[in-house]
Amino acid sequence: MVQRLLLAGMLCGLIVALFAFAFARVYSEPTIERAITLEESGSHAHAGGEDATSRSVQRNVGLFTGLASYCIALGGLLAIGIASLHGRLGTNTRTTVWMLVTVGYVALVLVPQLKYPANPPGVGSAETIGIRTELYFLVIFASLLSMATSIWIAFRFGRRLTRAAAITAGAAIFVLLAAIIMTAMPAVSETPHDFPRDLLFEFRVHSALVQLIIWGGLAALFGQVAEHVSDRNRSGTAARHAIPNA
């Protein structure tokens, strides 16, 4: 069952990557092109060195390769998580998938993006890219640790409270911990004052939508497939036990 779930998760990740690529190619890339045009016009400082590959390769092969690698890896990790939690939460497989995806999205994407939102080309200094990257991954680690702590507390509360009350308590604790993280982490604001605000807003909205397509698409598609795999495994097990002894 684990092998089938893993294969299904990776295939679902590849399919979702196609949808994410289509959206990014149609909506995100024109925004990036506008930002690059501003950057190359000399109005804003370049955040890095010369591009090693052409924009044509970056926005086609490079974009799809990056999204596919990300989605396939995410689908595989989701499959491993579902296989590990199978039958332990008292929920059906599809619900478990949605729960795991929601937890992962909030901890790994939403909180880090709220603290350090994505920036288009031309925003940020090359001298600070190292510290900005470190801060971003530090937020991810802190958010993931906070989520794990909240889930552990929710399970502990679940022994004495109803499931709804335990989930509410866990969610409240995570919100509190996330607020502390957002406040404690240093602010990074290197957006030039004359950088078009509409362009910045559009880029960040598109970046957030790509993540929603990836995580939401995986939840919907893999939830359906994982439910089917789980039902087949359950049916096969029941059939083997139903065979009378000779």
C-alpha atoms as a PDB file:
ATOM      1  CA  MET A   1       0.000   0.000   0.000  1.00  0.00           C
ATOM      2  CA  VAL A   2       2.838   2.382   0.819  1.00  0.00           C
ATOM      3  CA  GLN A   3       4.402   1.925  -2.609  1.00  0.00           C
ATOM      4  CA  ARG A   4       1.075   2.545  -4.352  1.00  0.00           C
ATOM      5  CA  LEU A   5       0.448   5.656  -2.259  1.00  0.00           C
ATOM      6  CA  LEU A   6       3.953   6.944  -2.958  1.00  0.00           C
ATOM      7  CA  LEU A   7       3.585   6.432  -6.705  1.00  0.00           C
ATOM      8  CA  ALA A   8       0.126   7.999  -6.653  1.00  0.00           C
ATOM      9  CA  GLY A   9       1.377  10.984  -4.661  1.00  0.00           C
ATOM     10  CA  MET A  10       4.230  11.644  -7.067  1.00  0.00           C
ATOM     11  CA  LEU A  11       1.993  11.296 -10.132  1.00  0.00           C
ATOM     12  CA  CYS A  12      -0.563  13.624  -8.582  1.00  0.00           C
ATOM     13  CA  GLY A  13       2.243  16.068  -7.892  1.00  0.00           C
ATOM     14  CA  LEU A  14       3.252  15.988 -11.555  1.00  0.00           C
ATOM     15  CA  ILE A  15      -0.330  16.623 -12.682  1.00  0.00           C
ATOM     16  CA  VAL A  16      -0.728  19.503 -10.252  1.00  0.00           C
ATOM     17  CA  ALA A  17       2.588  20.922 -11.485  1.00  0.00           C
ATOM     18  CA  LEU A  18       1.096  21.165 -14.985  1.00  0.00           C
ATOM     19  CA  PHE A  19      -1.779  23.309 -13.690  1.00  0.00           C
ATOM     20  CA  ALA A  20       0.554  25.443 -11.578  1.00  0.00           C
ATOM     21  CA  PHE A  21       2.862  25.904 -14.570  1.00  0.00           C
ATOM     22  CA  ALA A  22      -0.033  26.964 -16.800  1.00  0.00           C
ATOM     23  CA  PHE A  23      -1.161  29.555 -14.260  1.00  0.00           C
ATOM     24  CA  ALA A  24       2.348  30.846 -13.603  1.00  0.00           C
ATOM     25  CA  ARG A  25       3.157  30.998 -17.310  1.00  0.00           C
ATOM     26  CA  VAL A  26       0.017  32.982 -18.152  1.00  0.00           C
ATOM     27  CA  TYR A  27      -0.270  35.258 -15.114  1.00  0.00           C
ATOM     28  CA  SER A  28       2.970  35.318 -13.087  1.00  0.00           C
ATOM     29  CA  GLU A  29       5.528  35.517 -15.894  1.00  0.00           C
ATOM     30  CA  PRO A  30       4.174  38.765 -17.434  1.00  0.00           C
ATOM     31  CA  THR A  31       4.456  40.375 -14.003  1.00  0.00           C
ATOM     32  CA  ILE A  32       8.044  39.166 -13.693  1.00  0.00           C
ATOM     33  CA  GLU A  33       8.783  40.493 -17.177  1.00  0.00           C
ATOM     34  CA  ARG A  34       7.522  43.925 -16.156  1.00  0.00           C
ATOM     35  CA  ALA A  35       9.723  43.845 -13.052  1.00  0.00           C
ATOM     36  CA  ILE A  36      12.765  42.804 -15.111  1.00  0.00           C
ATOM     37  CA  THR A  37      12.088  45.578 -17.604  1.00  0.00           C
ATOM     38  CA  LEU A  38      12.093  48.100 -14.763  1.00  0.00           C
ATOM     39  CA  GLU A  39      15.275  46.557 -13.385  1.00  0.00           C
ATOM     40  CA  GLU A  40      17.076  46.655 -16.722  1.00  0.00           C
ATOM     41  CA  SER A  41      15.991  50.214 -17.396  1.00  0.00           C
ATOM     42  CA  GLY A  42      18.331  51.334 -14.628  1.00  0.00           C
ATOM     43  CA  SER A  43      15.606  52.613 -12.328  1.00  0.00           C
ATOM     44  CA  HIS A  44      16.325  49.964  -9.691  1.00  0.00           C
ATOM     45  CA  ALA A  45      19.412  48.157  -8.579  1.00  0.00           C
ATOM     46  CA  HIS A  46      19.889  44.580  -9.688  1.00  0.00           C
ATOM     47  CA  ALA A  47      19.416  42.124  -6.806  1.00  0.00           C
ATOM     48  CA  GLY A  48      21.902  39.648  -8.299  1.00  0.00           C
ATOM     49  CA  GLY A  49      24.425  39.070 -11.082  1.00  0.00           C
ATOM     50  CA  GLU A  50      23.984  38.314 -14.756  1.00  0.00           C
ATOM     51  CA  ASP A  51      21.459  35.610 -15.570  1.00  0.00           C
ATOM     52  CA  ALA A  52      23.166  32.300 -16.341  1.00  0.00           C
ATOM     53  CA  THR A  53      20.314  31.265 -18.635  1.00  0.00           C
ATOM     54  CA  SER A  54      18.050  33.166 -20.977  1.00  0.00           C
ATOM     55  CA  ARG A  55      14.614  34.349 -19.928  1.00  0.00           C
ATOM     56  CA  SER A  56      13.103  32.029 -22.542  1.00  0.00           C
ATOM     57  CA  VAL A  57      14.594  29.005 -20.785  1.00  0.00           C
ATOM     58  CA  GLN A  58      13.750  30.360 -17.338  1.00  0.00           C
ATOM     59  CA  ARG A  59      10.080  30.970 -18.024  1.00  0.00           C
ATOM     60  CA  ASN A  60       9.521  27.669 -19.839  1.00  0.00           C
ATOM     61  CA  VAL A  61      11.786  24.707 -19.102  1.00  0.00           C
ATOM     62  CA  GLY A  62      13.205  26.197 -15.914  1.00  0.00           C
ATOM     63  CA  LEU A  63       9.814  27.160 -14.520  1.00  0.00           C
ATOM     64  CA  PHE A  64       8.250  23.773 -15.228  1.00  0.00           C
ATOM     65  CA  THR A  65      11.265  21.852 -13.914  1.00  0.00           C
ATOM     66  CA  GLY A  66      11.219  23.787 -10.661  1.00  0.00           C
ATOM     67  CA  LEU A  67       7.475  23.396 -10.164  1.00  0.00           C
ATOM     68  CA  ALA A  68       7.511  19.713 -11.118  1.00  0.00           C
ATOM     69  CA  SER A  69      10.355  18.934  -8.713  1.00  0.00           C
ATOM     70  CA  TYR A  70       8.596  20.785  -5.909  1.00  0.00           C
ATOM     71  CA  CYS A  71       5.185  19.200  -6.535  1.00  0.00           C
ATOM     72  CA  ILE A  72       6.501  15.657  -7.007  1.00  0.00           C
ATOM     73  CA  ALA A  73       8.532  15.874  -3.802  1.00  0.00           C
ATOM     74  CA  LEU A  74       5.549  17.331  -1.966  1.00  0.00           C
ATOM     75  CA  GLY A  75       3.281  14.586  -3.292  1.00  0.00           C
ATOM     76  CA  GLY A  76       5.740  11.937  -2.162  1.00  0.00           C
ATOM     77  CA  LEU A  77       6.022  13.416   1.323  1.00  0.00           C
ATOM     78  CA  LEU A  78       2.241  13.670   1.544  1.00  0.00           C
ATOM     79  CA  ALA A  79       1.918  10.006   0.577  1.00  0.00           C
ATOM     80  CA  ILE A  80       4.402   8.973   3.265  1.00  0.00           C
ATOM     81  CA  GLY A  81       2.495  11.038   5.814  1.00  0.00           C
ATOM     82  CA  ILE A  82      -0.823   9.461   4.847  1.00  0.00           C
ATOM     83  CA  ALA A  83       0.657   5.970   4.998  1.00  0.00           C
ATOM     84  CA  SER A  84       2.018   6.706   8.485  1.00  0.00           C
ATOM     85  CA  LEU A  85      -1.298   8.123   9.742  1.00  0.00           C
ATOM     86  CA  HIS A  86      -3.521   5.529   8.076  1.00  0.00           C
ATOM     87  CA  GLY A  87      -6.227   4.448  10.512  1.00  0.00           C
ATOM     88  CA  ARG A  88      -4.808   6.406  13.457  1.00  0.00           C
ATOM     89  CA  LEU A  89      -6.930   9.557  13.381  1.00  0.00           C
ATOM     90  CA  GLY A  90     -10.360   7.984  13.139  1.00  0.00           C
ATOM     91  CA  THR A  91     -11.094   9.801   9.864  1.00  0.00           C
ATOM     92  CA  ASN A  92     -11.378   8.594   6.287  1.00  0.00           C
ATOM     93  CA  THR A  93      -8.364   8.882   3.994  1.00  0.00           C
ATOM     94  CA  ARG A  94      -9.639  11.900   2.075  1.00  0.00           C
ATOM     95  CA  THR A  95     -10.250  13.869   5.258  1.00  0.00           C
ATOM     96  CA  THR A  96      -6.810  12.903   6.559  1.00  0.00           C
ATOM     97  CA  VAL A  97      -5.238  14.189   3.335  1.00  0.00           C
ATOM     98  CA  TRP A  98      -7.015  17.535   3.661  1.00  0.00           C
ATOM     99  CA  MET A  99      -5.997  17.816   7.318  1.00  0.00           C
ATOM    100  CA  LEU A 100      -2.347  17.075   6.556  1.00  0.00           C
ATOM    101  CA  VAL A 101      -2.296  19.471   3.587  1.00  0.00           C
ATOM    102  CA  THR A 102      -3.915  22.242   5.623  1.00  0.00           C
ATOM    103  CA  VAL A 103      -1.423  21.826   8.457  1.00  0.00           C
ATOM    104  CA  GLY A 104       1.506  21.765   6.028  1.00  0.00           C
ATOM    105  CA  TYR A 105       0.307  24.773   4.049  1.00  0.00           C
ATOM    106  CA  VAL A 106      -0.257  26.929   7.132  1.00  0.00           C
ATOM    107  CA  ALA A 107       3.066  26.022   8.744  1.00  0.00           C
ATOM    108  CA  LEU A 108       5.320  25.909   5.679  1.00  0.00           C
ATOM    109  CA  VAL A 109       3.763  28.494   3.363  1.00  0.00           C
ATOM    110  CA  LEU A 110       1.207  30.831   4.914  1.00  0.00           C
ATOM    111  CA  VAL A 111       3.089  31.976   8.034  1.00  0.00           C
ATOM    112  CA  PRO A 112       6.459  32.444   6.234  1.00  0.00           C
ATOM    113  CA  GLN A 113       4.755  34.334   3.380  1.00  0.00           C
ATOM    114  CA  LEU A 114       2.944  36.614   5.793  1.00  0.00           C
ATOM    115  CA  LYS A 115       6.214  37.507   7.521  1.00  0.00           C
ATOM    116  CA  TYR A 116       8.467  37.623   4.465  1.00  0.00           C
ATOM    117  CA  PRO A 117       6.325  37.878   1.302  1.00  0.00           C
ATOM    118  CA  ALA A 118       7.809  37.109  -2.089  1.00  0.00           C
ATOM    119  CA  ASN A 119       9.510  39.935  -3.988  1.00  0.00           C
ATOM    120  CA  PRO A 120       9.869  40.380  -7.755  1.00  0.00           C
ATOM    121  CA  PRO A 121      13.203  41.001  -9.502  1.00  0.00           C
ATOM    122  CA  GLY A 122      14.651  44.393  -8.720  1.00  0.00           C
ATOM    123  CA  VAL A 123      13.603  44.304  -5.063  1.00  0.00           C
ATOM    124  CA  GLY A 124      16.258  43.575  -2.489  1.00  0.00           C
ATOM    125  CA  SER A 125      20.001  43.957  -2.318  1.00  0.00           C
ATOM    126  CA  ALA A 126      22.521  41.351  -3.401  1.00  0.00           C
ATOM    127  CA  GLU A 127      24.458  41.997  -0.200  1.00  0.00           C
ATOM    128  CA  THR A 128      21.522  40.933   1.994  1.00  0.00           C
ATOM    129  CA  ILE A 129      20.256  37.939   0.035  1.00  0.00           C
ATOM    130  CA  GLY A 130      22.103  35.556   2.362  1.00  0.00           C
ATOM    131  CA  ILE A 131      20.611  36.923   5.568  1.00  0.00           C
ATOM    132  CA  ARG A 132      17.157  37.172   3.973  1.00  0.00           C
ATOM    133  CA  THR A 133      17.327  33.520   2.968  1.00  0.00           C
ATOM    134  CA  GLU A 134      18.443  32.500   6.450  1.00  0.00           C
ATOM    135  CA  LEU A 135      15.615  34.457   8.060  1.00  0.00           C
ATOM    136  CA  TYR A 136      13.057  32.888   5.744  1.00  0.00           C
ATOM    137  CA  PHE A 137      14.149  29.344   6.536  1.00  0.00           C
ATOM    138  CA  LEU A 138      14.319  30.222  10.219  1.00  0.00           C
ATOM    139  CA  VAL A 139      10.680  31.314  10.079  1.00  0.00           C
ATOM    140  CA  ILE A 140       9.761  28.046   8.363  1.00  0.00           C
ATOM    141  CA  PHE A 141      11.534  26.032  11.069  1.00  0.00           C
ATOM    142  CA  ALA A 142       9.946  28.048  13.883  1.00  0.00           C
ATOM    143  CA  SER A 143       6.496  27.776  12.291  1.00  0.00           C
ATOM    144  CA  LEU A 144       6.860  24.027  11.812  1.00  0.00           C
ATOM    145  CA  LEU A 145       8.004  23.596  15.405  1.00  0.00           C
ATOM    146  CA  SER A 146       5.047  25.669  16.613  1.00  0.00           C
ATOM    147  CA  MET A 147       2.645  23.546  14.581  1.00  0.00           C
ATOM    148  CA  ALA A 148       4.132  20.328  15.974  1.00  0.00           C
ATOM    149  CA  THR A 149       3.820  21.701  19.509  1.00  0.00           C
ATOM    150  CA  SER A 150       0.214  22.748  18.929  1.00  0.00           C
ATOM    151  CA  ILE A 151      -0.717  19.345  17.516  1.00  0.00           C
ATOM    152  CA  TRP A 152       0.907  17.575  20.490  1.00  0.00           C
ATOM    153  CA  ILE A 153      -1.021  19.772  22.916  1.00  0.00           C
ATOM    154  CA  ALA A 154      -4.251  19.169  20.989  1.00  0.00           C
ATOM    155  CA  PHE A 155      -3.757  15.410  21.274  1.00  0.00           C
ATOM    156  CA  ARG A 156      -3.117  15.743  24.987  1.00  0.00           C
ATOM    157  CA  PHE A 157      -6.264  17.828  25.399  1.00  0.00           C
ATOM    158  CA  GLY A 158      -8.155  15.270  23.342  1.00  0.00           C
ATOM    159  CA  ARG A 159      -7.897  12.796  26.216  1.00  0.00           C
ATOM    160  CA  ARG A 160      -9.973  15.055  28.464  1.00  0.00           C
ATOM    161  CA  LEU A 161     -11.932  17.255  26.042  1.00  0.00           C
ATOM    162  CA  THR A 162     -14.066  16.693  22.975  1.00  0.00           C
ATOM    163  CA  ARG A 163     -12.301  16.549  19.615  1.00  0.00           C
ATOM    164  CA  ALA A 164     -13.692  19.948  18.595  1.00  0.00           C
ATOM    165  CA  ALA A 165     -12.490  21.556  21.823  1.00  0.00           C
ATOM    166  CA  ALA A 166      -9.048  19.976  21.517  1.00  0.00           C
ATOM    167  CA  ILE A 167      -8.671  21.150  17.898  1.00  0.00           C
ATOM    168  CA  THR A 168      -9.798  24.647  18.856  1.00  0.00           C
ATOM    169  CA  ALA A 169      -7.291  24.751  21.711  1.00  0.00           C
ATOM    170  CA  GLY A 170      -4.486  23.551  19.438  1.00  0.00           C
ATOM    171  CA  ALA A 171      -5.371  26.115  16.760  1.00  0.00           C
ATOM    172  CA  ALA A 172      -5.457  28.920  19.341  1.00  0.00           C
ATOM    173  CA  ILE A 173      -2.039  27.921  20.657  1.00  0.00           C
ATOM    174  CA  PHE A 174      -0.590  27.875  17.141  1.00  0.00           C
ATOM    175  CA  VAL A 175      -2.016  31.330  16.389  1.00  0.00           C
ATOM    176  CA  LEU A 176      -0.429  32.619  19.578  1.00  0.00           C
ATOM    177  CA  LEU A 177       2.949  31.039  18.772  1.00  0.00           C
ATOM    178  CA  ALA A 178       2.788  32.287  15.180  1.00  0.00           C
ATOM    179  CA  ALA A 179       2.053  35.811  16.403  1.00  0.00           C
ATOM    180  CA  ILE A 180       5.095  35.624  18.671  1.00  0.00           C
ATOM    181  CA  ILE A 181       7.238  34.467  15.751  1.00  0.00           C
ATOM    182  CA  MET A 182       5.961  37.261  13.512  1.00  0.00           C
ATOM    183  CA  THR A 183       6.710  39.834  16.190  1.00  0.00           C
ATOM    184  CA  ALA A 184      10.097  38.475  17.263  1.00  0.00           C
ATOM    185  CA  MET A 185      11.599  38.018  13.795  1.00  0.00           C
ATOM    186  CA  PRO A 186      13.258  41.142  12.377  1.00  0.00           C
ATOM    187  CA  ALA A 187      11.491  43.013   9.597  1.00  0.00           C
ATOM    188  CA  VAL A 188      13.098  43.073   6.163  1.00  0.00           C
ATOM    189  CA  SER A 189      11.910  45.920   3.956  1.00  0.00           C
ATOM    190  CA  GLU A 190      14.091  46.691   0.945  1.00  0.00           C
ATOM    191  CA  THR A 191      11.389  47.687  -1.517  1.00  0.00           C
ATOM    192  CA  PRO A 192      12.400  50.938  -3.253  1.00  0.00           C
ATOM    193  CA  HIS A 193      10.028  53.808  -2.539  1.00  0.00           C
ATOM    194  CA  ASP A 194       9.421  54.370  -6.237  1.00  0.00           C
ATOM    195  CA  PHE A 195       8.794  50.716  -7.073  1.00  0.00           C
ATOM    196  CA  PRO A 196       5.238  50.358  -8.493  1.00  0.00           C
ATOM    197  CA  ARG A 197       2.987  49.192  -5.670  1.00  0.00           C
ATOM    198  CA  ASP A 198       0.506  47.630  -8.057  1.00  0.00           C
ATOM    199  CA  LEU A 199       3.276  45.517  -9.589  1.00  0.00           C
ATOM    200  CA  LEU A 200       4.496  44.419  -6.171  1.00  0.00           C
ATOM    201  CA  PHE A 201       0.969  43.537  -5.049  1.00  0.00           C
ATOM    202  CA  GLU A 202       0.238  41.658  -8.271  1.00  0.00           C
ATOM    203  CA  PHE A 203       3.437  39.627  -8.011  1.00  0.00           C
ATOM    204  CA  ARG A 204       2.731  38.623  -4.411  1.00  0.00           C
ATOM    205  CA  VAL A 205      -0.871  37.689  -5.167  1.00  0.00           C
ATOM    206  CA  HIS A 206       0.238  35.495  -8.063  1.00  0.00           C
ATOM    207  CA  SER A 207       2.915  33.844  -5.903  1.00  0.00           C
ATOM    208  CA  ALA A 208       0.322  33.090  -3.228  1.00  0.00           C
ATOM    209  CA  LEU A 209      -2.126  31.726  -5.814  1.00  0.00           C
ATOM    210  CA  VAL A 210       0.493  29.377  -7.246  1.00  0.00           C
ATOM    211  CA  GLN A 211       1.008  27.918  -3.774  1.00  0.00           C
ATOM    212  CA  LEU A 212      -2.744  27.566  -3.294  1.00  0.00           C
ATOM    213  CA  ILE A 213      -3.042  25.760  -6.623  1.00  0.00           C
ATOM    214  CA  ILE A 214      -0.250  23.372  -5.632  1.00  0.00           C
ATOM    215  CA  TRP A 215      -1.419  22.572  -2.116  1.00  0.00           C
ATOM    216  CA  GLY A 216      -5.143  22.713  -2.848  1.00  0.00           C
ATOM    217  CA  GLY A 217      -4.745  20.706  -6.044  1.00  0.00           C
ATOM    218  CA  LEU A 218      -2.760  18.028  -4.255  1.00  0.00           C
ATOM    219  CA  ALA A 219      -5.359  17.841  -1.495  1.00  0.00           C
ATOM    220  CA  ALA A 220      -8.223  17.442  -3.964  1.00  0.00           C
ATOM    221  CA  LEU A 221      -6.509  15.084  -6.422  1.00  0.00           C
ATOM    222  CA  PHE A 222      -4.453  12.962  -4.064  1.00  0.00           C
ATOM    223  CA  GLY A 223      -7.309  12.821  -1.563  1.00  0.00           C
ATOM    224  CA  GLN A 224      -9.459  11.142  -4.202  1.00  0.00           C
ATOM    225  CA  VAL A 225      -6.711   8.776  -5.352  1.00  0.00           C
ATOM    226  CA  ALA A 226      -5.553   7.893  -1.833  1.00  0.00           C
ATOM    227  CA  GLU A 227      -9.133   7.085  -0.858  1.00  0.00           C
ATOM    228  CA  HIS A 228      -9.352   4.703  -3.824  1.00  0.00           C
ATOM    229  CA  VAL A 229      -6.029   3.052  -2.929  1.00  0.00           C
ATOM    230  CA  SER A 230      -7.123   2.692   0.689  1.00  0.00           C
ATOM    231  CA  ASP A 231     -10.479   1.146  -0.328  1.00  0.00           C
ATOM    232  CA  ARG A 232      -8.752  -1.342  -2.626  1.00  0.00           C
ATOM    233  CA  ASN A 233      -6.313  -2.299   0.104  1.00  0.00           C
ATOM    234  CA  ARG A 234      -9.173  -2.718   2.575  1.00  0.00           C
ATOM    235  CA  SER A 235     -11.161  -4.832   0.096  1.00  0.00           C
ATOM    236  CA  GLY A 236      -8.144  -7.011  -0.654  1.00  0.00           C
ATOM    237  CA  THR A 237      -7.481  -7.589   3.030  1.00  0.00           C
ATOM    238  CA  ALA A 238     -11.128  -8.456   3.680  1.00  0.00           C
ATOM    239  CA  ALA A 239     -11.166 -10.869   0.726  1.00  0.00           C
ATOM    240  CA  ARG A 240      -8.062 -12.689   1.983  1.00  0.00           C
ATOM    241  CA  HIS A 241      -9.568 -13.087   5.436  1.00  0.00           C
ATOM    242  CA  ALA A 242     -12.845 -14.312   3.956  1.00  0.00           C
ATOM    243  CA  ILE A 243     -11.220 -17.278   2.179  1.00  0.00           C
ATOM    244  CA  PRO A 244     -12.141 -20.407   4.175  1.00  0.00           C
ATOM    245  CA  ASN A 245      -9.411 -22.711   5.307  1.00  0.00           C
ATOM    246  CA  ALA A 246      -9.122 -25.908   3.318  1.00  0.00           C
END
